[in-house]
Amino acid sequence: MHELSIALNIMEIVDAEARAAGADEVSKIELEIGSWSGVEPDAIEMAMAEAIRETIASKAKVVFHWRKAMAACEDCCNEFEPEDIFKICPYCNSLNTHLLTGKELNIKSIEVVKD
């Protein structure tokens, strides 16, 4: 379960940013995670719940924005949702494709509270 180490790393970043902003607490954390990032949704949600305990973000709402994988064909220029890692274009059967989205693992925003 590598999601716990990911969650702990996220919390290190959140803690550092909140303290740098002079915050008393973190009220909301928004994460953007791609469907091909290798992160399991249930596991990261459980890991984040554990990772925020007894931190500056212990009362924070954690919002997950899941992004589906999208690829583009360089031959016919169509965009499509790939079914596997080979990303075969469903319009022209070309393998000359590249991934546009789906591997994201980003902290989208952090909301803090200052007294």
Foldseek 3Di string as FASTA:
>chain_A
DCLLVVLLVVVVVLQVVCVVVVFQAWAEWEKEAFQPQPDDVVVNVVSNQVNLPPGSHPNHDYHYHYHAKKKAAPPPGDIDRAPDPQRQDPPPRDSRMDIDDGNDTDGPDIHGHHD
